[in-house]
Amino acid sequence: MTFGVALLLIGGFLLGGSYSIFKADSDTEGRTGPQVVFAVVLLLAALIASVAGVLYLVS
């Protein structure tokens, strides 16, 4: 397994975590602020890891 493939796998794992956090129900109406912030941070990390993996594989 190359480093690029590993980055793509990590990106997919982070994307799934972001989706899971965003879809989690809470006792309050809608999502709380920390839930949204954490989901966005995981989404950005997933995008960065995925793009880095693709660029590593292309170059």
C-alpha atoms as a PDB file:
ATOM      1  CA  MET A   1       0.000   0.000   0.000  1.00  0.00           C
ATOM      2  CA  THR A   2       1.418   3.362  -0.955  1.00  0.00           C
ATOM      3  CA  PHE A   3       1.311   6.542   1.073  1.00  0.00           C
ATOM      4  CA  GLY A   4      -1.259   8.061  -1.309  1.00  0.00           C
ATOM      5  CA  VAL A   5      -3.677   5.188  -0.780  1.00  0.00           C
ATOM      6  CA  ALA A   6      -3.223   5.471   2.978  1.00  0.00           C
ATOM      7  CA  LEU A   7      -4.084   9.176   2.800  1.00  0.00           C
ATOM      8  CA  LEU A   8      -7.213   8.387   0.805  1.00  0.00           C
ATOM      9  CA  LEU A   9      -8.267   5.816   3.406  1.00  0.00           C
ATOM     10  CA  ILE A  10      -7.713   8.301   6.220  1.00  0.00           C
ATOM     11  CA  GLY A  11      -9.714  10.906   4.294  1.00  0.00           C
ATOM     12  CA  GLY A  12     -12.595   8.473   3.912  1.00  0.00           C
ATOM     13  CA  PHE A  13     -12.491   7.596   7.592  1.00  0.00           C
ATOM     14  CA  LEU A  14     -12.592  11.297   8.546  1.00  0.00           C
ATOM     15  CA  LEU A  15     -15.427  11.940   6.096  1.00  0.00           C
ATOM     16  CA  GLY A  16     -17.448   9.155   7.699  1.00  0.00           C
ATOM     17  CA  GLY A  17     -16.769  10.602  11.143  1.00  0.00           C
ATOM     18  CA  SER A  18     -17.904  14.026  10.009  1.00  0.00           C
ATOM     19  CA  TYR A  19     -21.115  12.576   8.589  1.00  0.00           C
ATOM     20  CA  SER A  20     -21.728  10.579  11.754  1.00  0.00           C
ATOM     21  CA  ILE A  21     -21.304  13.593  14.001  1.00  0.00           C
ATOM     22  CA  PHE A  22     -23.506  15.779  11.817  1.00  0.00           C
ATOM     23  CA  LYS A  23     -26.285  13.166  11.724  1.00  0.00           C
ATOM     24  CA  ALA A  24     -26.173  12.545  15.501  1.00  0.00           C
ATOM     25  CA  ASP A  25     -29.341  13.557  17.277  1.00  0.00           C
ATOM     26  CA  SER A  26     -29.183  15.609  20.431  1.00  0.00           C
ATOM     27  CA  ASP A  27     -31.670  16.424  23.151  1.00  0.00           C
ATOM     28  CA  THR A  28     -31.948  19.998  21.904  1.00  0.00           C
ATOM     29  CA  GLU A  29     -33.666  21.267  18.787  1.00  0.00           C
ATOM     30  CA  GLY A  30     -31.228  20.853  15.923  1.00  0.00           C
ATOM     31  CA  ARG A  31     -27.489  20.545  16.315  1.00  0.00           C
ATOM     32  CA  THR A  32     -25.424  22.281  18.930  1.00  0.00           C
ATOM     33  CA  GLY A  33     -22.631  24.681  18.041  1.00  0.00           C
ATOM     34  CA  PRO A  34     -19.802  22.337  19.078  1.00  0.00           C
ATOM     35  CA  GLN A  35     -21.300  19.507  16.989  1.00  0.00           C
ATOM     36  CA  VAL A  36     -21.327  21.673  13.873  1.00  0.00           C
ATOM     37  CA  VAL A  37     -17.815  23.005  14.515  1.00  0.00           C
ATOM     38  CA  PHE A  38     -16.368  19.523  15.062  1.00  0.00           C
ATOM     39  CA  ALA A  39     -18.126  18.169  11.970  1.00  0.00           C
ATOM     40  CA  VAL A  40     -16.730  21.026   9.866  1.00  0.00           C
ATOM     41  CA  VAL A  41     -13.209  20.501  11.245  1.00  0.00           C
ATOM     42  CA  LEU A  42     -13.385  16.779  10.409  1.00  0.00           C
ATOM     43  CA  LEU A  43     -14.750  17.586   6.957  1.00  0.00           C
ATOM     44  CA  LEU A  44     -11.863  19.950   6.238  1.00  0.00           C
ATOM     45  CA  ALA A  45      -9.340  17.390   7.477  1.00  0.00           C
ATOM     46  CA  ALA A  46     -10.948  14.748   5.254  1.00  0.00           C
ATOM     47  CA  LEU A  47     -10.758  17.014   2.220  1.00  0.00           C
ATOM     48  CA  ILE A  48      -7.120  17.901   2.874  1.00  0.00           C
ATOM     49  CA  ALA A  49      -6.133  14.243   3.356  1.00  0.00           C
ATOM     50  CA  SER A  50      -8.025  13.141   0.245  1.00  0.00           C
ATOM     51  CA  VAL A  51      -6.564  15.866  -1.968  1.00  0.00           C
ATOM     52  CA  ALA A  52      -3.075  15.158  -0.638  1.00  0.00           C
ATOM     53  CA  GLY A  53      -3.541  11.451  -1.392  1.00  0.00           C
ATOM     54  CA  VAL A  54      -4.699  12.134  -4.936  1.00  0.00           C
ATOM     55  CA  LEU A  55      -1.834  14.542  -5.547  1.00  0.00           C
ATOM     56  CA  TYR A  56       0.637  12.020  -4.147  1.00  0.00           C
ATOM     57  CA  LEU A  57      -0.687   9.324  -6.462  1.00  0.00           C
ATOM     58  CA  VAL A  58      -0.677  11.604  -9.525  1.00  0.00           C
ATOM     59  CA  SER A  59       2.827  12.947  -9.061  1.00  0.00           C
END
